Amino acid sequence: MKARHAHRSKAIGVFDSGIGGLTVAREIFRLLPNEDVVYFGDTGRYPYGTRSPEIVRKFARQDVNFLLERGVKFIVVACNTASSLALDYIKRIYNIPMIGVIEPGAKGALEKTRSRRIGVIGTQGTISSLAYDRVLMALNGSLRIYSKACPLFVSLAEEGYIDKPAAKLIVEDYLGEIRHRKVDTLILGCTHYPLLKKPIAEVMGADVNLIDSAEETARAARGALEKLDLISPSLSLGRKSFFVSDSPEKFKRVGQLFLGRRIGRVSMVDINSY
């Protein structure tokens, strides 16, 4: 019993290609405040979306190896590209429970849709991979899915262009086509996009459900930890540790927008040594 108790006290590991995964971390902090969390952002090799599947799988293995060295009990792949191209691969290799962001987002959309017309927005890599389409169609073959790559949303989020008129214009330009398809549910299929919820909601209208895959993933992580009896027994606030593969200062500056709170110490890691 003592050994199991010690296992529950270990941290949750979260990795992403950069900063966007902090939206997932923020929801994990909110839903699981007593858990220790180790976050790794691969800022030195960001973005993953332009890389080949083989390279993304190699990077994901190195990211997992680093988190395992930190003694984590559970891993959240907080990156849409790594979730779509590498999650099944790393699940076969490592004997540690893990989840990605795609299945929770797809399940959340299925719970909300009434018309079975679902929109998916994401980076070019995520949309081209058809990862959301595959998971959604496996859950319900009668869905109509309309996808759109919105690459400029990442820059808008990172530059803090969230409430500016330019953001609304770009969102209108990207989402006009999906809006005309009369979807009733829209999956924000990139971890940067929750920062743009306000202009996206304004453009799509009040009748459209916005599915924040960061929120859905944190909920799925909590459910998995409960099922596996891995919830921390601690009653105090969990420790949060941040690691990057390049430029801790930039990560701290931009990351605060995503996390909605100040980021303390950020350590740099030579990820290629893993």
C-alpha atoms as a PDB file:
ATOM      1  CA  MET A   1       0.000   0.000   0.000  1.00  0.00           C
ATOM      2  CA  LYS A   2       2.895   2.313   0.852  1.00  0.00           C
ATOM      3  CA  ALA A   3       4.417   1.820  -2.632  1.00  0.00           C
ATOM      4  CA  ARG A   4       1.130   2.737  -4.333  1.00  0.00           C
ATOM      5  CA  HIS A   5       0.843   5.822  -2.106  1.00  0.00           C
ATOM      6  CA  ALA A   6       4.354   6.899  -3.176  1.00  0.00           C
ATOM      7  CA  HIS A   7       3.385   6.420  -6.821  1.00  0.00           C
ATOM      8  CA  ARG A   8       0.374   8.709  -6.399  1.00  0.00           C
ATOM      9  CA  SER A   9       2.671  11.425  -5.033  1.00  0.00           C
ATOM     10  CA  LYS A  10       4.637  11.631  -8.303  1.00  0.00           C
ATOM     11  CA  ALA A  11       4.120  14.500 -10.752  1.00  0.00           C
ATOM     12  CA  ILE A  12       2.046  14.716 -13.928  1.00  0.00           C
ATOM     13  CA  GLY A  13       4.253  15.288 -16.988  1.00  0.00           C
ATOM     14  CA  VAL A  14       3.078  17.601 -19.782  1.00  0.00           C
ATOM     15  CA  PHE A  15       4.937  18.227 -23.043  1.00  0.00           C
ATOM     16  CA  ASP A  16       4.358  20.430 -26.061  1.00  0.00           C
ATOM     17  CA  SER A  17       6.338  21.705 -29.018  1.00  0.00           C
ATOM     18  CA  GLY A  18       6.449  25.125 -27.337  1.00  0.00           C
ATOM     19  CA  ILE A  19       4.184  27.488 -25.446  1.00  0.00           C
ATOM     20  CA  GLY A  20       0.655  26.538 -26.574  1.00  0.00           C
ATOM     21  CA  GLY A  21       0.478  23.527 -24.273  1.00  0.00           C
ATOM     22  CA  LEU A  22       0.389  25.945 -21.346  1.00  0.00           C
ATOM     23  CA  THR A  23      -3.353  26.329 -22.023  1.00  0.00           C
ATOM     24  CA  VAL A  24      -3.635  22.607 -21.198  1.00  0.00           C
ATOM     25  CA  ALA A  25      -1.362  23.022 -18.157  1.00  0.00           C
ATOM     26  CA  ARG A  26      -3.519  25.940 -16.939  1.00  0.00           C
ATOM     27  CA  GLU A  27      -6.639  23.738 -16.970  1.00  0.00           C
ATOM     28  CA  ILE A  28      -4.759  20.898 -15.225  1.00  0.00           C
ATOM     29  CA  PHE A  29      -3.630  23.353 -12.513  1.00  0.00           C
ATOM     30  CA  ARG A  30      -7.268  24.440 -12.110  1.00  0.00           C
ATOM     31  CA  LEU A  31      -8.848  20.974 -12.027  1.00  0.00           C
ATOM     32  CA  LEU A  32      -6.036  19.227 -10.136  1.00  0.00           C
ATOM     33  CA  PRO A  33      -4.573  21.930  -7.877  1.00  0.00           C
ATOM     34  CA  ASN A  34      -2.862  19.481  -5.485  1.00  0.00           C
ATOM     35  CA  GLU A  35      -0.870  17.730  -8.216  1.00  0.00           C
ATOM     36  CA  ASP A  36       2.798  18.434  -8.923  1.00  0.00           C
ATOM     37  CA  VAL A  37       3.221  19.162 -12.651  1.00  0.00           C
ATOM     38  CA  VAL A  38       6.377  19.084 -14.791  1.00  0.00           C
ATOM     39  CA  TYR A  39       5.974  21.004 -18.072  1.00  0.00           C
ATOM     40  CA  PHE A  40       8.422  20.679 -20.973  1.00  0.00           C
ATOM     41  CA  GLY A  41       8.175  23.029 -23.966  1.00  0.00           C
ATOM     42  CA  ASP A  42      10.400  22.076 -26.905  1.00  0.00           C
ATOM     43  CA  THR A  43      10.913  25.713 -27.879  1.00  0.00           C
ATOM     44  CA  GLY A  44      14.238  25.006 -29.588  1.00  0.00           C
ATOM     45  CA  ARG A  45      12.572  22.770 -32.213  1.00  0.00           C
ATOM     46  CA  TYR A  46       9.184  24.503 -32.429  1.00  0.00           C
ATOM     47  CA  PRO A  47       6.952  24.114 -34.429  1.00  0.00           C
ATOM     48  CA  TYR A  48       6.334  20.382 -34.867  1.00  0.00           C
ATOM     49  CA  GLY A  49       3.578  20.997 -37.437  1.00  0.00           C
ATOM     50  CA  THR A  50       6.039  21.468 -40.324  1.00  0.00           C
ATOM     51  CA  ARG A  51       8.052  18.304 -39.538  1.00  0.00           C
ATOM     52  CA  SER A  52       7.769  14.800 -41.004  1.00  0.00           C
ATOM     53  CA  PRO A  53       5.931  12.118 -38.964  1.00  0.00           C
ATOM     54  CA  GLU A  54       9.252  10.301 -38.385  1.00  0.00           C
ATOM     55  CA  ILE A  55      10.870  13.397 -36.862  1.00  0.00           C
ATOM     56  CA  VAL A  56       7.814  14.179 -34.711  1.00  0.00           C
ATOM     57  CA  ARG A  57       7.925  10.615 -33.344  1.00  0.00           C
ATOM     58  CA  LYS A  58      11.650  10.969 -32.592  1.00  0.00           C
ATOM     59  CA  PHE A  59      11.063  14.296 -30.804  1.00  0.00           C
ATOM     60  CA  ALA A  60       8.133  12.825 -28.830  1.00  0.00           C
ATOM     61  CA  ARG A  61      10.343   9.953 -27.626  1.00  0.00           C
ATOM     62  CA  GLN A  62      12.988  12.407 -26.416  1.00  0.00           C
ATOM     63  CA  ASP A  63      10.319  14.514 -24.676  1.00  0.00           C
ATOM     64  CA  VAL A  64       8.931  11.411 -22.922  1.00  0.00           C
ATOM     65  CA  ASN A  65      12.443  10.271 -21.939  1.00  0.00           C
ATOM     66  CA  PHE A  66      13.049  13.641 -20.289  1.00  0.00           C
ATOM     67  CA  LEU A  67       9.765  13.516 -18.350  1.00  0.00           C
ATOM     68  CA  LEU A  68      10.431   9.938 -17.219  1.00  0.00           C
ATOM     69  CA  GLU A  69      13.781  11.086 -15.841  1.00  0.00           C
ATOM     70  CA  ARG A  70      11.786  13.581 -13.735  1.00  0.00           C
ATOM     71  CA  GLY A  71       9.856  10.606 -12.295  1.00  0.00           C
ATOM     72  CA  VAL A  72       6.358  11.398 -13.593  1.00  0.00           C
ATOM     73  CA  LYS A  73       3.387   9.030 -13.116  1.00  0.00           C
ATOM     74  CA  PHE A  74       1.243  10.138 -16.096  1.00  0.00           C
ATOM     75  CA  ILE A  75       1.940  12.034 -19.342  1.00  0.00           C
ATOM     76  CA  VAL A  76      -0.231  14.540 -21.203  1.00  0.00           C
ATOM     77  CA  VAL A  77       0.800  15.148 -24.832  1.00  0.00           C
ATOM     78  CA  ALA A  78      -0.371  18.775 -24.973  1.00  0.00           C
ATOM     79  CA  CYS A  79       0.414  19.181 -28.671  1.00  0.00           C
ATOM     80  CA  ASN A  80      -2.017  18.487 -31.496  1.00  0.00           C
ATOM     81  CA  THR A  81       0.731  17.518 -33.958  1.00  0.00           C
ATOM     82  CA  ALA A  82       2.432  15.089 -31.554  1.00  0.00           C
ATOM     83  CA  SER A  83      -0.984  13.710 -30.528  1.00  0.00           C
ATOM     84  CA  SER A  84      -1.939  13.022 -34.140  1.00  0.00           C
ATOM     85  CA  LEU A  85       1.421  11.722 -35.403  1.00  0.00           C
ATOM     86  CA  ALA A  86       3.192  10.195 -32.387  1.00  0.00           C
ATOM     87  CA  LEU A  87       0.790   9.287 -29.546  1.00  0.00           C
ATOM     88  CA  ASP A  88      -0.048   5.744 -30.729  1.00  0.00           C
ATOM     89  CA  TYR A  89       3.654   5.138 -31.393  1.00  0.00           C
ATOM     90  CA  ILE A  90       4.903   6.239 -27.945  1.00  0.00           C
ATOM     91  CA  LYS A  91       2.034   4.435 -26.186  1.00  0.00           C
ATOM     92  CA  ARG A  92       3.360   1.169 -27.651  1.00  0.00           C
ATOM     93  CA  ILE A  93       6.911   1.863 -26.443  1.00  0.00           C
ATOM     94  CA  TYR A  94       6.427   3.140 -22.893  1.00  0.00           C
ATOM     95  CA  ASN A  95       4.748   1.493 -19.940  1.00  0.00           C
ATOM     96  CA  ILE A  96       3.211   4.679 -18.545  1.00  0.00           C
ATOM     97  CA  PRO A  97      -0.365   5.950 -18.935  1.00  0.00           C
ATOM     98  CA  MET A  98      -0.697   8.916 -21.299  1.00  0.00           C
ATOM     99  CA  ILE A  99      -3.301  10.890 -23.214  1.00  0.00           C
ATOM    100  CA  GLY A 100      -3.239  13.402 -26.063  1.00  0.00           C
ATOM    101  CA  VAL A 101      -5.468  16.361 -26.910  1.00  0.00           C
ATOM    102  CA  ILE A 102      -7.359  15.028 -29.939  1.00  0.00           C
ATOM    103  CA  GLU A 103      -9.609  12.308 -28.527  1.00  0.00           C
ATOM    104  CA  PRO A 104     -10.822  14.431 -25.564  1.00  0.00           C
ATOM    105  CA  GLY A 105     -11.631  17.320 -27.936  1.00  0.00           C
ATOM    106  CA  ALA A 106     -13.487  15.031 -30.336  1.00  0.00           C
ATOM    107  CA  LYS A 107     -15.502  13.424 -27.521  1.00  0.00           C
ATOM    108  CA  GLY A 108     -16.362  16.853 -26.119  1.00  0.00           C
ATOM    109  CA  ALA A 109     -17.672  17.944 -29.539  1.00  0.00           C
ATOM    110  CA  LEU A 110     -19.771  14.802 -29.905  1.00  0.00           C
ATOM    111  CA  GLU A 111     -21.420  15.440 -26.527  1.00  0.00           C
ATOM    112  CA  LYS A 112     -22.397  18.980 -27.545  1.00  0.00           C
ATOM    113  CA  THR A 113     -23.476  18.692 -31.183  1.00  0.00           C
ATOM    114  CA  ARG A 114     -27.179  18.384 -32.010  1.00  0.00           C
ATOM    115  CA  SER A 115     -27.029  18.855 -35.797  1.00  0.00           C
ATOM    116  CA  ARG A 116     -24.018  16.487 -36.182  1.00  0.00           C
ATOM    117  CA  ARG A 117     -22.295  19.275 -38.194  1.00  0.00           C
ATOM    118  CA  ILE A 118     -18.903  19.896 -36.588  1.00  0.00           C
ATOM    119  CA  GLY A 119     -16.159  22.340 -37.546  1.00  0.00           C
ATOM    120  CA  VAL A 120     -12.481  21.773 -36.763  1.00  0.00           C
ATOM    121  CA  ILE A 121      -9.824  24.498 -36.868  1.00  0.00           C
ATOM    122  CA  GLY A 122      -6.119  23.939 -36.319  1.00  0.00           C
ATOM    123  CA  THR A 123      -2.654  24.331 -37.779  1.00  0.00           C
ATOM    124  CA  GLN A 124      -1.913  23.101 -41.297  1.00  0.00           C
ATOM    125  CA  GLY A 125      -0.193  20.006 -39.874  1.00  0.00           C
ATOM    126  CA  THR A 126      -3.140  19.015 -37.688  1.00  0.00           C
ATOM    127  CA  ILE A 127      -5.761  19.649 -40.377  1.00  0.00           C
ATOM    128  CA  SER A 128      -3.724  17.816 -43.059  1.00  0.00           C
ATOM    129  CA  SER A 129      -3.292  14.798 -40.757  1.00  0.00           C
ATOM    130  CA  LEU A 130      -7.124  14.354 -40.607  1.00  0.00           C
ATOM    131  CA  ALA A 131      -6.609  13.228 -37.000  1.00  0.00           C
ATOM    132  CA  TYR A 132      -9.812  14.845 -35.712  1.00  0.00           C
ATOM    133  CA  ASP A 133     -11.812  13.560 -38.695  1.00  0.00           C
ATOM    134  CA  ARG A 134     -10.655   9.986 -38.037  1.00  0.00           C
ATOM    135  CA  VAL A 135     -11.472  10.061 -34.320  1.00  0.00           C
ATOM    136  CA  LEU A 136     -14.841  11.795 -34.865  1.00  0.00           C
ATOM    137  CA  MET A 137     -15.934   9.396 -37.628  1.00  0.00           C
ATOM    138  CA  ALA A 138     -14.911   6.400 -35.496  1.00  0.00           C
ATOM    139  CA  LEU A 139     -17.153   7.756 -32.724  1.00  0.00           C
ATOM    140  CA  ASN A 140     -20.086   8.531 -35.032  1.00  0.00           C
ATOM    141  CA  GLY A 141     -20.080   7.764 -38.756  1.00  0.00           C
ATOM    142  CA  SER A 142     -23.014  10.073 -39.521  1.00  0.00           C
ATOM    143  CA  LEU A 143     -21.178  13.326 -38.710  1.00  0.00           C
ATOM    144  CA  ARG A 144     -20.493  16.066 -41.248  1.00  0.00           C
ATOM    145  CA  ILE A 145     -17.039  17.514 -40.552  1.00  0.00           C
ATOM    146  CA  TYR A 146     -15.734  20.791 -41.966  1.00  0.00           C
ATOM    147  CA  SER A 147     -12.047  21.567 -41.351  1.00  0.00           C
ATOM    148  CA  LYS A 148     -10.021  24.724 -41.821  1.00  0.00           C
ATOM    149  CA  ALA A 149      -6.354  25.480 -41.193  1.00  0.00           C
ATOM    150  CA  CYS A 150      -5.908  28.871 -39.459  1.00  0.00           C
ATOM    151  CA  PRO A 151      -2.127  29.311 -39.248  1.00  0.00           C
ATOM    152  CA  LEU A 152      -2.158  33.035 -38.402  1.00  0.00           C
ATOM    153  CA  PHE A 153      -4.059  32.374 -35.162  1.00  0.00           C
ATOM    154  CA  VAL A 154      -0.810  31.153 -33.562  1.00  0.00           C
ATOM    155  CA  SER A 155       0.933  34.494 -34.198  1.00  0.00           C
ATOM    156  CA  LEU A 156      -2.089  36.470 -32.991  1.00  0.00           C
ATOM    157  CA  ALA A 157      -2.067  34.522 -29.721  1.00  0.00           C
ATOM    158  CA  GLU A 158       1.704  34.757 -29.167  1.00  0.00           C
ATOM    159  CA  GLU A 159       1.824  38.479 -29.950  1.00  0.00           C
ATOM    160  CA  GLY A 160      -1.096  39.219 -27.647  1.00  0.00           C
ATOM    161  CA  TYR A 161      -3.314  40.437 -30.524  1.00  0.00           C
ATOM    162  CA  ILE A 162      -6.382  39.040 -28.829  1.00  0.00           C
ATOM    163  CA  ASP A 163      -8.673  42.056 -28.395  1.00  0.00           C
ATOM    164  CA  LYS A 164      -7.421  44.102 -31.341  1.00  0.00           C
ATOM    165  CA  PRO A 165      -9.532  44.850 -34.449  1.00  0.00           C
ATOM    166  CA  ALA A 166      -6.961  43.015 -36.621  1.00  0.00           C
ATOM    167  CA  ALA A 167      -7.686  39.770 -34.759  1.00  0.00           C
ATOM    168  CA  LYS A 168     -11.428  40.025 -35.461  1.00  0.00           C
ATOM    169  CA  LEU A 169     -10.786  40.674 -39.186  1.00  0.00           C
ATOM    170  CA  ILE A 170      -8.472  37.664 -39.524  1.00  0.00           C
ATOM    171  CA  VAL A 171     -10.876  35.422 -37.575  1.00  0.00           C
ATOM    172  CA  GLU A 172     -13.774  36.551 -39.830  1.00  0.00           C
ATOM    173  CA  ASP A 173     -11.704  35.837 -42.941  1.00  0.00           C
ATOM    174  CA  TYR A 174     -10.711  32.324 -41.801  1.00  0.00           C
ATOM    175  CA  LEU A 175     -14.045  31.252 -40.325  1.00  0.00           C
ATOM    176  CA  GLY A 176     -16.525  32.663 -42.852  1.00  0.00           C
ATOM    177  CA  GLU A 177     -16.554  29.410 -44.831  1.00  0.00           C
ATOM    178  CA  ILE A 178     -17.156  27.204 -41.773  1.00  0.00           C
ATOM    179  CA  ARG A 179     -19.859  29.534 -40.469  1.00  0.00           C
ATOM    180  CA  HIS A 180     -21.727  29.218 -43.787  1.00  0.00           C
ATOM    181  CA  ARG A 181     -21.684  25.417 -43.349  1.00  0.00           C
ATOM    182  CA  LYS A 182     -24.076  25.875 -40.406  1.00  0.00           C
ATOM    183  CA  VAL A 183     -21.961  23.931 -37.908  1.00  0.00           C
ATOM    184  CA  ASP A 184     -23.314  23.966 -34.354  1.00  0.00           C
ATOM    185  CA  THR A 185     -20.005  22.939 -32.730  1.00  0.00           C
ATOM    186  CA  LEU A 186     -16.441  24.108 -33.409  1.00  0.00           C
ATOM    187  CA  ILE A 187     -13.342  22.334 -32.094  1.00  0.00           C
ATOM    188  CA  LEU A 188     -10.438  24.653 -31.281  1.00  0.00           C
ATOM    189  CA  GLY A 189      -7.899  22.104 -32.489  1.00  0.00           C
ATOM    190  CA  CYS A 190      -4.743  23.958 -31.484  1.00  0.00           C
ATOM    191  CA  THR A 191      -3.601  24.761 -27.962  1.00  0.00           C
ATOM    192  CA  HIS A 192      -3.032  28.434 -28.937  1.00  0.00           C
ATOM    193  CA  TYR A 193      -6.639  28.980 -29.963  1.00  0.00           C
ATOM    194  CA  PRO A 194      -8.293  29.205 -26.516  1.00  0.00           C
ATOM    195  CA  LEU A 195      -6.683  32.651 -26.217  1.00  0.00           C
ATOM    196  CA  LEU A 196      -8.814  33.732 -29.205  1.00  0.00           C
ATOM    197  CA  LYS A 197     -12.110  32.387 -27.823  1.00  0.00           C
ATOM    198  CA  LYS A 198     -13.654  35.873 -27.618  1.00  0.00           C
ATOM    199  CA  PRO A 199     -13.247  36.903 -31.291  1.00  0.00           C
ATOM    200  CA  ILE A 200     -14.009  33.327 -32.447  1.00  0.00           C
ATOM    201  CA  ALA A 201     -17.244  33.307 -30.409  1.00  0.00           C
ATOM    202  CA  GLU A 202     -18.201  36.726 -31.812  1.00  0.00           C
ATOM    203  CA  VAL A 203     -17.683  35.554 -35.395  1.00  0.00           C
ATOM    204  CA  MET A 204     -19.335  32.138 -35.011  1.00  0.00           C
ATOM    205  CA  GLY A 205     -22.309  33.420 -33.000  1.00  0.00           C
ATOM    206  CA  ALA A 206     -23.912  32.457 -29.701  1.00  0.00           C
ATOM    207  CA  ASP A 207     -25.534  29.275 -31.091  1.00  0.00           C
ATOM    208  CA  VAL A 208     -22.207  27.578 -31.831  1.00  0.00           C
ATOM    209  CA  ASN A 209     -20.530  25.506 -29.082  1.00  0.00           C
ATOM    210  CA  LEU A 210     -16.783  26.147 -28.848  1.00  0.00           C
ATOM    211  CA  ILE A 211     -14.860  23.048 -27.763  1.00  0.00           C
ATOM    212  CA  ASP A 212     -11.667  23.978 -25.952  1.00  0.00           C
ATOM    213  CA  SER A 213      -9.481  20.889 -26.283  1.00  0.00           C
ATOM    214  CA  ALA A 214      -7.327  22.172 -23.394  1.00  0.00           C
ATOM    215  CA  GLU A 215     -10.327  22.013 -21.022  1.00  0.00           C
ATOM    216  CA  GLU A 216     -11.468  18.649 -22.386  1.00  0.00           C
ATOM    217  CA  THR A 217      -7.957  17.188 -22.072  1.00  0.00           C
ATOM    218  CA  ALA A 218      -7.587  18.316 -18.458  1.00  0.00           C
ATOM    219  CA  ARG A 219     -10.970  16.743 -17.649  1.00  0.00           C
ATOM    220  CA  ALA A 220      -9.907  13.510 -19.388  1.00  0.00           C
ATOM    221  CA  ALA A 221      -6.606  13.527 -17.458  1.00  0.00           C
ATOM    222  CA  ARG A 222      -8.449  13.878 -14.146  1.00  0.00           C
ATOM    223  CA  GLY A 223     -10.802  11.031 -15.086  1.00  0.00           C
ATOM    224  CA  ALA A 224      -7.888   8.773 -16.079  1.00  0.00           C
ATOM    225  CA  LEU A 225      -5.961   9.521 -12.867  1.00  0.00           C
ATOM    226  CA  GLU A 226      -9.060   8.746 -10.765  1.00  0.00           C
ATOM    227  CA  LYS A 227      -9.629   5.483 -12.634  1.00  0.00           C
ATOM    228  CA  LEU A 228      -5.977   4.476 -12.193  1.00  0.00           C
ATOM    229  CA  ASP A 229      -6.005   5.472  -8.496  1.00  0.00           C
ATOM    230  CA  LEU A 230      -3.186   7.954  -9.165  1.00  0.00           C
ATOM    231  CA  ILE A 231      -4.710  11.123  -7.670  1.00  0.00           C
ATOM    232  CA  SER A 232      -2.223  12.795  -5.323  1.00  0.00           C
ATOM    233  CA  PRO A 233      -3.006  12.363  -1.613  1.00  0.00           C
ATOM    234  CA  SER A 234      -1.493  15.802  -0.907  1.00  0.00           C
ATOM    235  CA  LEU A 235      -3.762  18.489   0.535  1.00  0.00           C
ATOM    236  CA  SER A 236      -1.361  21.323  -0.279  1.00  0.00           C
ATOM    237  CA  LEU A 237      -0.955  23.178  -3.581  1.00  0.00           C
ATOM    238  CA  GLY A 238       1.157  21.189  -6.049  1.00  0.00           C
ATOM    239  CA  ARG A 239       4.581  22.334  -7.275  1.00  0.00           C
ATOM    240  CA  LYS A 240       4.844  23.502 -10.907  1.00  0.00           C
ATOM    241  CA  SER A 241       8.169  23.066 -12.745  1.00  0.00           C
ATOM    242  CA  PHE A 242       8.900  24.458 -16.218  1.00  0.00           C
ATOM    243  CA  PHE A 243      11.592  23.308 -18.662  1.00  0.00           C
ATOM    244  CA  VAL A 244      12.378  24.429 -22.227  1.00  0.00           C
ATOM    245  CA  SER A 245      14.924  23.569 -24.908  1.00  0.00           C
ATOM    246  CA  ASP A 246      15.652  27.232 -25.811  1.00  0.00           C
ATOM    247  CA  SER A 247      15.202  30.822 -24.555  1.00  0.00           C
ATOM    248  CA  PRO A 248      13.690  30.636 -21.054  1.00  0.00           C
ATOM    249  CA  GLU A 249      13.143  34.421 -21.051  1.00  0.00           C
ATOM    250  CA  LYS A 250      10.903  34.421 -24.131  1.00  0.00           C
ATOM    251  CA  PHE A 251       8.990  31.435 -22.758  1.00  0.00           C
ATOM    252  CA  LYS A 252       8.386  33.283 -19.478  1.00  0.00           C
ATOM    253  CA  ARG A 253       7.264  36.473 -21.224  1.00  0.00           C
ATOM    254  CA  VAL A 254       4.863  34.922 -23.756  1.00  0.00           C
ATOM    255  CA  GLY A 255       3.917  31.969 -21.547  1.00  0.00           C
ATOM    256  CA  GLN A 256       2.312  34.244 -18.966  1.00  0.00           C
ATOM    257  CA  LEU A 257      -0.356  35.168 -21.545  1.00  0.00           C
ATOM    258  CA  PHE A 258      -1.199  31.478 -21.976  1.00  0.00           C
ATOM    259  CA  LEU A 259      -0.994  30.498 -18.332  1.00  0.00           C
ATOM    260  CA  GLY A 260      -2.815  33.555 -17.020  1.00  0.00           C
ATOM    261  CA  ARG A 261      -0.291  33.836 -14.176  1.00  0.00           C
ATOM    262  CA  ARG A 262       3.340  34.675 -13.543  1.00  0.00           C
ATOM    263  CA  ILE A 263       5.869  31.961 -14.405  1.00  0.00           C
ATOM    264  CA  GLY A 264       8.734  31.661 -11.945  1.00  0.00           C
ATOM    265  CA  ARG A 265      11.909  29.738 -12.691  1.00  0.00           C
ATOM    266  CA  VAL A 266      12.282  28.163 -16.151  1.00  0.00           C
ATOM    267  CA  SER A 267      15.184  25.733 -16.690  1.00  0.00           C
ATOM    268  CA  MET A 268      16.856  24.952 -20.001  1.00  0.00           C
ATOM    269  CA  VAL A 269      17.359  21.340 -21.095  1.00  0.00           C
ATOM    270  CA  ASP A 270      19.573  19.790 -23.786  1.00  0.00           C
ATOM    271  CA  ILE A 271      16.753  17.684 -25.215  1.00  0.00           C
ATOM    272  CA  ASN A 272      18.993  16.141 -27.898  1.00  0.00           C
ATOM    273  CA  SER A 273      20.810  14.239 -25.144  1.00  0.00           C
ATOM    274  CA  TYR A 274      17.613  12.236 -24.519  1.00  0.00           C
END
